[in-house]
Amino acid sequence: MTLTADERETVINLNDAEAVAYIYTAQRPVITKLKKNPAATLIEEGTHDGSVSAHFELPAALLTSAEGFRPPAYEPLQARKR
């Protein structure tokens, strides 16, 4: 039995004491995106009842709650379309 849609979640843990964000996800698109991000470090990957999951570390400076994940060479979408 795989995880339900409600159980396939992404949890981001940030605190003021550390310069990294800890990310747990059971969402395959988020895992793929983080694996492609050179700033993200895969800590652990596994399965739970047939569903994939992974733990990552990412520099907290690259993560904001309003903008989401930004690759190191962040360029606004408007600038790319010019």
PDB file of N, CA and C in Angstrom:
ATOM      1  N   MET A   1       0.834  -1.175   0.000  1.00  0.00           N
ATOM      2  CA  MET A   1       0.000   0.000   0.000  1.00  0.00           C
ATOM      3  C   MET A   1       0.883   1.244   0.000  1.00  0.00           C
ATOM      4  N   THR A   2       0.689   2.111  -0.948  1.00  0.00           N
ATOM      5  CA  THR A   2       1.496   3.327  -1.019  1.00  0.00           C
ATOM      6  C   THR A   2       0.872   4.425  -0.172  1.00  0.00           C
ATOM      7  N   LEU A   3       1.635   5.498   0.008  1.00  0.00           N
ATOM      8  CA  LEU A   3       1.132   6.635   0.777  1.00  0.00           C
ATOM      9  C   LEU A   3      -0.034   7.292   0.053  1.00  0.00           C
ATOM     10  N   THR A   4      -0.973   7.824   0.812  1.00  0.00           N
ATOM     11  CA  THR A   4      -2.081   8.561   0.216  1.00  0.00           C
ATOM     12  C   THR A   4      -1.606   9.954  -0.181  1.00  0.00           C
ATOM     13  N   ALA A   5      -2.423  10.665  -0.936  1.00  0.00           N
ATOM     14  CA  ALA A   5      -2.069  12.022  -1.357  1.00  0.00           C
ATOM     15  C   ALA A   5      -1.808  12.923  -0.149  1.00  0.00           C
ATOM     16  N   ASP A   6      -2.584  12.766   0.911  1.00  0.00           N
ATOM     17  CA  ASP A   6      -2.376  13.559   2.125  1.00  0.00           C
ATOM     18  C   ASP A   6      -1.061  13.226   2.822  1.00  0.00           C
ATOM     19  N   GLU A   7      -0.592  12.007   2.674  1.00  0.00           N
ATOM     20  CA  GLU A   7       0.639  11.572   3.338  1.00  0.00           C
ATOM     21  C   GLU A   7       1.890  11.915   2.539  1.00  0.00           C
ATOM     22  N   ARG A   8       1.754  12.147   1.245  1.00  0.00           N
ATOM     23  CA  ARG A   8       2.900  12.535   0.416  1.00  0.00           C
ATOM     24  C   ARG A   8       3.124  14.034   0.611  1.00  0.00           C
ATOM     25  N   GLU A   9       4.013  14.354   1.542  1.00  0.00           N
ATOM     26  CA  GLU A   9       4.196  15.738   1.939  1.00  0.00           C
ATOM     27  C   GLU A   9       5.650  16.151   1.831  1.00  0.00           C
ATOM     28  N   THR A  10       5.879  17.462   1.928  1.00  0.00           N
ATOM     29  CA  THR A  10       7.217  18.027   2.017  1.00  0.00           C
ATOM     30  C   THR A  10       7.263  18.875   3.269  1.00  0.00           C
ATOM     31  N   VAL A  11       8.279  18.623   4.101  1.00  0.00           N
ATOM     32  CA  VAL A  11       8.449  19.352   5.350  1.00  0.00           C
ATOM     33  C   VAL A  11       9.800  20.051   5.304  1.00  0.00           C
ATOM     34  N   ILE A  12       9.799  21.353   5.543  1.00  0.00           N
ATOM     35  CA  ILE A  12      11.025  22.149   5.546  1.00  0.00           C
ATOM     36  C   ILE A  12      11.263  22.625   6.970  1.00  0.00           C
ATOM     37  N   ASN A  13      12.447  22.341   7.500  1.00  0.00           N
ATOM     38  CA  ASN A  13      12.802  22.720   8.852  1.00  0.00           C
ATOM     39  C   ASN A  13      13.909  23.769   8.794  1.00  0.00           C
ATOM     40  N   LEU A  14      13.592  24.980   9.241  1.00  0.00           N
ATOM     41  CA  LEU A  14      14.549  26.076   9.320  1.00  0.00           C
ATOM     42  C   LEU A  14      14.630  26.530  10.767  1.00  0.00           C
ATOM     43  N   ASN A  15      15.811  26.978  11.185  1.00  0.00           N
ATOM     44  CA  ASN A  15      15.921  27.599  12.498  1.00  0.00           C
ATOM     45  C   ASN A  15      16.971  28.700  12.449  1.00  0.00           C
ATOM     46  N   ASP A  16      16.980  29.542  13.465  1.00  0.00           N
ATOM     47  CA  ASP A  16      17.893  30.683  13.488  1.00  0.00           C
ATOM     48  C   ASP A  16      19.327  30.303  13.831  1.00  0.00           C
ATOM     49  N   ALA A  17      19.559  29.112  14.338  1.00  0.00           N
ATOM     50  CA  ALA A  17      20.891  28.707  14.764  1.00  0.00           C
ATOM     51  C   ALA A  17      21.739  28.104  13.645  1.00  0.00           C
ATOM     52  N   GLU A  18      21.113  27.647  12.573  1.00  0.00           N
ATOM     53  CA  GLU A  18      21.859  26.961  11.517  1.00  0.00           C
ATOM     54  C   GLU A  18      21.667  27.651  10.172  1.00  0.00           C
ATOM     55  N   ALA A  19      22.668  27.540   9.338  1.00  0.00           N
ATOM     56  CA  ALA A  19      22.629  28.159   8.014  1.00  0.00           C
ATOM     57  C   ALA A  19      22.095  27.215   6.948  1.00  0.00           C
ATOM     58  N   VAL A  20      21.551  26.076   7.365  1.00  0.00           N
ATOM     59  CA  VAL A  20      21.001  25.116   6.411  1.00  0.00           C
ATOM     60  C   VAL A  20      19.532  24.860   6.713  1.00  0.00           C
ATOM     61  N   ALA A  21      18.818  24.479   5.682  1.00  0.00           N
ATOM     62  CA  ALA A  21      17.428  24.043   5.808  1.00  0.00           C
ATOM     63  C   ALA A  21      17.422  22.535   5.623  1.00  0.00           C
ATOM     64  N   TYR A  22      16.653  21.844   6.440  1.00  0.00           N
ATOM     65  CA  TYR A  22      16.506  20.398   6.328  1.00  0.00           C
ATOM     66  C   TYR A  22      15.153  20.130   5.676  1.00  0.00           C
ATOM     67  N   ILE A  23      15.168  19.319   4.633  1.00  0.00           N
ATOM     68  CA  ILE A  23      13.958  19.072   3.863  1.00  0.00           C
ATOM     69  C   ILE A  23      13.692  17.576   3.814  1.00  0.00           C
ATOM     70  N   TYR A  24      12.481  17.184   4.222  1.00  0.00           N
ATOM     71  CA  TYR A  24      12.003  15.815   4.053  1.00  0.00           C
ATOM     72  C   TYR A  24      10.880  15.891   3.042  1.00  0.00           C
ATOM     73  N   THR A  25      10.884  15.004   2.072  1.00  0.00           N
ATOM     74  CA  THR A  25       9.798  14.987   1.097  1.00  0.00           C
ATOM     75  C   THR A  25       9.465  13.566   0.666  1.00  0.00           C
ATOM     76  N   ALA A  26       8.181  13.361   0.432  1.00  0.00           N
ATOM     77  CA  ALA A  26       7.695  12.113  -0.146  1.00  0.00           C
ATOM     78  C   ALA A  26       6.998  12.422  -1.465  1.00  0.00           C
ATOM     79  N   GLN A  27       7.317  13.580  -2.047  1.00  0.00           N
ATOM     80  CA  GLN A  27       6.743  13.992  -3.327  1.00  0.00           C
ATOM     81  C   GLN A  27       7.810  13.840  -4.413  1.00  0.00           C
ATOM     82  N   ARG A  28       7.543  12.941  -5.337  1.00  0.00           N
ATOM     83  CA  ARG A  28       8.526  12.621  -6.376  1.00  0.00           C
ATOM     84  C   ARG A  28       8.991  13.856  -7.168  1.00  0.00           C
ATOM     85  N   PRO A  29       8.108  14.789  -7.576  1.00  0.00           N
ATOM     86  CA  PRO A  29       8.586  15.965  -8.316  1.00  0.00           C
ATOM     87  C   PRO A  29       9.544  16.840  -7.496  1.00  0.00           C
ATOM     88  N   VAL A  30       9.318  16.932  -6.189  1.00  0.00           N
ATOM     89  CA  VAL A  30      10.209  17.717  -5.336  1.00  0.00           C
ATOM     90  C   VAL A  30      11.557  17.014  -5.198  1.00  0.00           C
ATOM     91  N   ILE A  31      11.545  15.689  -5.058  1.00  0.00           N
ATOM     92  CA  ILE A  31      12.796  14.927  -4.991  1.00  0.00           C
ATOM     93  C   ILE A  31      13.609  15.150  -6.261  1.00  0.00           C
ATOM     94  N   THR A  32      12.960  15.055  -7.402  1.00  0.00           N
ATOM     95  CA  THR A  32      13.647  15.250  -8.685  1.00  0.00           C
ATOM     96  C   THR A  32      14.233  16.648  -8.778  1.00  0.00           C
ATOM     97  N   LYS A  33      13.465  17.655  -8.384  1.00  0.00           N
ATOM     98  CA  LYS A  33      13.934  19.040  -8.449  1.00  0.00           C
ATOM     99  C   LYS A  33      15.140  19.259  -7.528  1.00  0.00           C
ATOM    100  N   LEU A  34      15.086  18.717  -6.330  1.00  0.00           N
ATOM    101  CA  LEU A  34      16.197  18.884  -5.396  1.00  0.00           C
ATOM    102  C   LEU A  34      17.435  18.123  -5.846  1.00  0.00           C
ATOM    103  N   LYS A  35      17.260  16.947  -6.439  1.00  0.00           N
ATOM    104  CA  LYS A  35      18.414  16.193  -6.940  1.00  0.00           C
ATOM    105  C   LYS A  35      19.139  16.952  -8.047  1.00  0.00           C
ATOM    106  N   LYS A  36      18.403  17.741  -8.819  1.00  0.00           N
ATOM    107  CA  LYS A  36      18.996  18.516  -9.905  1.00  0.00           C
ATOM    108  C   LYS A  36      19.618  19.824  -9.418  1.00  0.00           C
ATOM    109  N   ASN A  37      19.321  20.231  -8.190  1.00  0.00           N
ATOM    110  CA  ASN A  37      19.842  21.475  -7.641  1.00  0.00           C
ATOM    111  C   ASN A  37      21.230  21.218  -7.059  1.00  0.00           C
ATOM    112  N   PRO A  38      22.285  21.841  -7.620  1.00  0.00           N
ATOM    113  CA  PRO A  38      23.640  21.582  -7.130  1.00  0.00           C
ATOM    114  C   PRO A  38      23.871  22.044  -5.693  1.00  0.00           C
ATOM    115  N   ALA A  39      23.041  22.914  -5.173  1.00  0.00           N
ATOM    116  CA  ALA A  39      23.195  23.396  -3.802  1.00  0.00           C
ATOM    117  C   ALA A  39      22.574  22.441  -2.782  1.00  0.00           C
ATOM    118  N   ALA A  40      21.727  21.532  -3.232  1.00  0.00           N
ATOM    119  CA  ALA A  40      21.056  20.594  -2.331  1.00  0.00           C
ATOM    120  C   ALA A  40      21.911  19.344  -2.145  1.00  0.00           C
ATOM    121  N   THR A  41      21.986  18.872  -0.917  1.00  0.00           N
ATOM    122  CA  THR A  41      22.730  17.655  -0.592  1.00  0.00           C
ATOM    123  C   THR A  41      21.739  16.575  -0.172  1.00  0.00           C
ATOM    124  N   LEU A  42      21.766  15.459  -0.888  1.00  0.00           N
ATOM    125  CA  LEU A  42      20.914  14.319  -0.535  1.00  0.00           C
ATOM    126  C   LEU A  42      21.512  13.647   0.690  1.00  0.00           C
ATOM    127  N   ILE A  43      20.752  13.576   1.773  1.00  0.00           N
ATOM    128  CA  ILE A  43      21.215  12.961   3.014  1.00  0.00           C
ATOM    129  C   ILE A  43      20.798  11.494   3.081  1.00  0.00           C
ATOM    130  N   GLU A  44      19.561  11.225   2.720  1.00  0.00           N
ATOM    131  CA  GLU A  44      19.033   9.862   2.803  1.00  0.00           C
ATOM    132  C   GLU A  44      17.877   9.715   1.824  1.00  0.00           C
ATOM    133  N   GLU A  45      17.797   8.550   1.219  1.00  0.00           N
ATOM    134  CA  GLU A  45      16.701   8.258   0.288  1.00  0.00           C
ATOM    135  C   GLU A  45      16.180   6.869   0.615  1.00  0.00           C
ATOM    136  N   GLY A  46      14.872   6.708   0.536  1.00  0.00           N
ATOM    137  CA  GLY A  46      14.314   5.404   0.842  1.00  0.00           C
ATOM    138  C   GLY A  46      12.905   5.257   0.327  1.00  0.00           C
ATOM    139  N   THR A  47      12.241   4.209   0.786  1.00  0.00           N
ATOM    140  CA  THR A  47      10.855   3.962   0.411  1.00  0.00           C
ATOM    141  C   THR A  47      10.066   3.643   1.670  1.00  0.00           C
ATOM    142  N   HIS A  48       8.784   3.931   1.605  1.00  0.00           N
ATOM    143  CA  HIS A  48       7.859   3.603   2.687  1.00  0.00           C
ATOM    144  C   HIS A  48       6.603   3.042   2.047  1.00  0.00           C
ATOM    145  N   ASP A  49       6.362   1.779   2.249  1.00  0.00           N
ATOM    146  CA  ASP A  49       5.207   1.111   1.647  1.00  0.00           C
ATOM    147  C   ASP A  49       5.130   1.337   0.139  1.00  0.00           C
ATOM    148  N   GLY A  50       6.273   1.334  -0.523  1.00  0.00           N
ATOM    149  CA  GLY A  50       6.299   1.483  -1.976  1.00  0.00           C
ATOM    150  C   GLY A  50       6.379   2.911  -2.477  1.00  0.00           C
ATOM    151  N   SER A  51       6.319   3.908  -1.590  1.00  0.00           N
ATOM    152  CA  SER A  51       6.426   5.312  -1.984  1.00  0.00           C
ATOM    153  C   SER A  51       7.831   5.812  -1.661  1.00  0.00           C
ATOM    154  N   VAL A  52       8.405   6.615  -2.557  1.00  0.00           N
ATOM    155  CA  VAL A  52       9.752   7.133  -2.341  1.00  0.00           C
ATOM    156  C   VAL A  52       9.723   8.281  -1.337  1.00  0.00           C
ATOM    157  N   SER A  53      10.864   8.474  -0.663  1.00  0.00           N
ATOM    158  CA  SER A  53      11.036   9.609   0.228  1.00  0.00           C
ATOM    159  C   SER A  53      12.510   9.963   0.253  1.00  0.00           C
ATOM    160  N   ALA A  54      12.823  11.184   0.682  1.00  0.00           N
ATOM    161  CA  ALA A  54      14.211  11.614   0.733  1.00  0.00           C
ATOM    162  C   ALA A  54      14.372  12.753   1.730  1.00  0.00           C
ATOM    163  N   HIS A  55      15.587  12.842   2.293  1.00  0.00           N
ATOM    164  CA  HIS A  55      15.984  13.936   3.168  1.00  0.00           C
ATOM    165  C   HIS A  55      17.114  14.694   2.480  1.00  0.00           C
ATOM    166  N   PHE A  56      17.025  16.012   2.482  1.00  0.00           N
ATOM    167  CA  PHE A  56      18.029  16.871   1.871  1.00  0.00           C
ATOM    168  C   PHE A  56      18.451  17.959   2.839  1.00  0.00           C
ATOM    169  N   GLU A  57      19.623  18.550   2.570  1.00  0.00           N
ATOM    170  CA  GLU A  57      20.053  19.798   3.194  1.00  0.00           C
ATOM    171  C   GLU A  57      20.226  20.817   2.083  1.00  0.00           C
ATOM    172  N   LEU A  58      19.879  22.036   2.367  1.00  0.00           N
ATOM    173  CA  LEU A  58      19.989  23.116   1.390  1.00  0.00           C
ATOM    174  C   LEU A  58      20.369  24.375   2.146  1.00  0.00           C
ATOM    175  N   PRO A  59      21.292  25.198   1.635  1.00  0.00           N
ATOM    176  CA  PRO A  59      21.608  26.445   2.319  1.00  0.00           C
ATOM    177  C   PRO A  59      20.335  27.272   2.539  1.00  0.00           C
ATOM    178  N   ALA A  60      20.114  27.679   3.770  1.00  0.00           N
ATOM    179  CA  ALA A  60      18.895  28.404   4.114  1.00  0.00           C
ATOM    180  C   ALA A  60      18.769  29.705   3.339  1.00  0.00           C
ATOM    181  N   ALA A  61      19.880  30.306   2.951  1.00  0.00           N
ATOM    182  CA  ALA A  61      19.842  31.559   2.203  1.00  0.00           C
ATOM    183  C   ALA A  61      19.176  31.394   0.838  1.00  0.00           C
ATOM    184  N   LEU A  62      19.128  30.178   0.326  1.00  0.00           N
ATOM    185  CA  LEU A  62      18.513  29.931  -0.984  1.00  0.00           C
ATOM    186  C   LEU A  62      17.023  29.644  -0.884  1.00  0.00           C
ATOM    187  N   LEU A  63      16.494  29.665   0.310  1.00  0.00           N
ATOM    188  CA  LEU A  63      15.102  29.314   0.522  1.00  0.00           C
ATOM    189  C   LEU A  63      14.375  30.462   1.215  1.00  0.00           C
ATOM    190  N   THR A  64      13.289  30.886   0.613  1.00  0.00           N
ATOM    191  CA  THR A  64      12.423  31.855   1.275  1.00  0.00           C
ATOM    192  C   THR A  64      11.006  31.334   1.170  1.00  0.00           C
ATOM    193  N   SER A  65      10.200  31.611   2.145  1.00  0.00           N
ATOM    194  CA  SER A  65       8.842  31.084   2.139  1.00  0.00           C
ATOM    195  C   SER A  65       8.005  31.671   1.010  1.00  0.00           C
ATOM    196  N   ALA A  66       8.319  32.884   0.576  1.00  0.00           N
ATOM    197  CA  ALA A  66       7.529  33.525  -0.473  1.00  0.00           C
ATOM    198  C   ALA A  66       7.929  33.065  -1.874  1.00  0.00           C
ATOM    199  N   GLU A  67       9.186  32.704  -2.053  1.00  0.00           N
ATOM    200  CA  GLU A  67       9.682  32.405  -3.397  1.00  0.00           C
ATOM    201  C   GLU A  67       9.986  30.935  -3.624  1.00  0.00           C
ATOM    202  N   GLY A  68      10.098  30.143  -2.592  1.00  0.00           N
ATOM    203  CA  GLY A  68      10.420  28.740  -2.772  1.00  0.00           C
ATOM    204  C   GLY A  68      11.898  28.530  -3.029  1.00  0.00           C
ATOM    205  N   PHE A  69      12.255  27.458  -3.716  1.00  0.00           N
ATOM    206  CA  PHE A  69      13.642  27.127  -3.969  1.00  0.00           C
ATOM    207  C   PHE A  69      14.213  27.999  -5.074  1.00  0.00           C
ATOM    208  N   ARG A  70      15.405  28.493  -4.852  1.00  0.00           N
ATOM    209  CA  ARG A  70      16.096  29.271  -5.881  1.00  0.00           C
ATOM    210  C   ARG A  70      17.421  28.590  -6.183  1.00  0.00           C
ATOM    211  N   PRO A  71      17.731  28.320  -7.434  1.00  0.00           N
ATOM    212  CA  PRO A  71      19.040  27.765  -7.747  1.00  0.00           C
ATOM    213  C   PRO A  71      20.123  28.805  -7.478  1.00  0.00           C
ATOM    214  N   PRO A  72      21.393  28.401  -7.309  1.00  0.00           N
ATOM    215  CA  PRO A  72      22.455  29.359  -6.994  1.00  0.00           C
ATOM    216  C   PRO A  72      22.557  30.514  -7.984  1.00  0.00           C
ATOM    217  N   ALA A  73      22.355  30.261  -9.257  1.00  0.00           N
ATOM    218  CA  ALA A  73      22.423  31.320 -10.260  1.00  0.00           C
ATOM    219  C   ALA A  73      21.010  31.820 -10.548  1.00  0.00           C
ATOM    220  N   TYR A  74      20.339  32.281  -9.518  1.00  0.00           N
ATOM    221  CA  TYR A  74      18.944  32.710  -9.640  1.00  0.00           C
ATOM    222  C   TYR A  74      18.825  33.913 -10.566  1.00  0.00           C
ATOM    223  N   GLU A  75      17.910  33.806 -11.497  1.00  0.00           N
ATOM    224  CA  GLU A  75      17.622  34.893 -12.424  1.00  0.00           C
ATOM    225  C   GLU A  75      16.106  34.994 -12.556  1.00  0.00           C
ATOM    226  N   PRO A  76      15.532  36.175 -12.294  1.00  0.00           N
ATOM    227  CA  PRO A  76      14.079  36.303 -12.396  1.00  0.00           C
ATOM    228  C   PRO A  76      13.554  35.873 -13.760  1.00  0.00           C
ATOM    229  N   LEU A  77      12.372  35.301 -13.776  1.00  0.00           N
ATOM    230  CA  LEU A  77      11.768  34.814 -14.997  1.00  0.00           C
ATOM    231  C   LEU A  77      11.650  35.912 -16.037  1.00  0.00           C
ATOM    232  N   GLN A  78      11.323  37.129 -15.612  1.00  0.00           N
ATOM    233  CA  GLN A  78      11.186  38.250 -16.551  1.00  0.00           C
ATOM    234  C   GLN A  78      12.505  38.515 -17.295  1.00  0.00           C
ATOM    235  N   ALA A  79      13.629  38.394 -16.612  1.00  0.00           N
ATOM    236  CA  ALA A  79      14.927  38.634 -17.235  1.00  0.00           C
ATOM    237  C   ALA A  79      15.257  37.562 -18.261  1.00  0.00           C
ATOM    238  N   ARG A  80      14.825  36.327 -18.033  1.00  0.00           N
ATOM    239  CA  ARG A  80      15.109  35.230 -18.968  1.00  0.00           C
ATOM    240  C   ARG A  80      14.318  35.367 -20.264  1.00  0.00           C
ATOM    241  N   LYS A  81      13.172  36.030 -20.227  1.00  0.00           N
ATOM    242  CA  LYS A  81      12.324  36.143 -21.397  1.00  0.00           C
ATOM    243  C   LYS A  81      12.757  37.261 -22.333  1.00  0.00           C
ATOM    244  N   ARG A  82      13.663  38.092 -21.907  1.00  0.00           N
ATOM    245  CA  ARG A  82      14.102  39.219 -22.744  1.00  0.00           C
ATOM    246  C   ARG A  82      14.996  38.785 -23.870  1.00  0.00           C
TER     247      ARG A  82
END
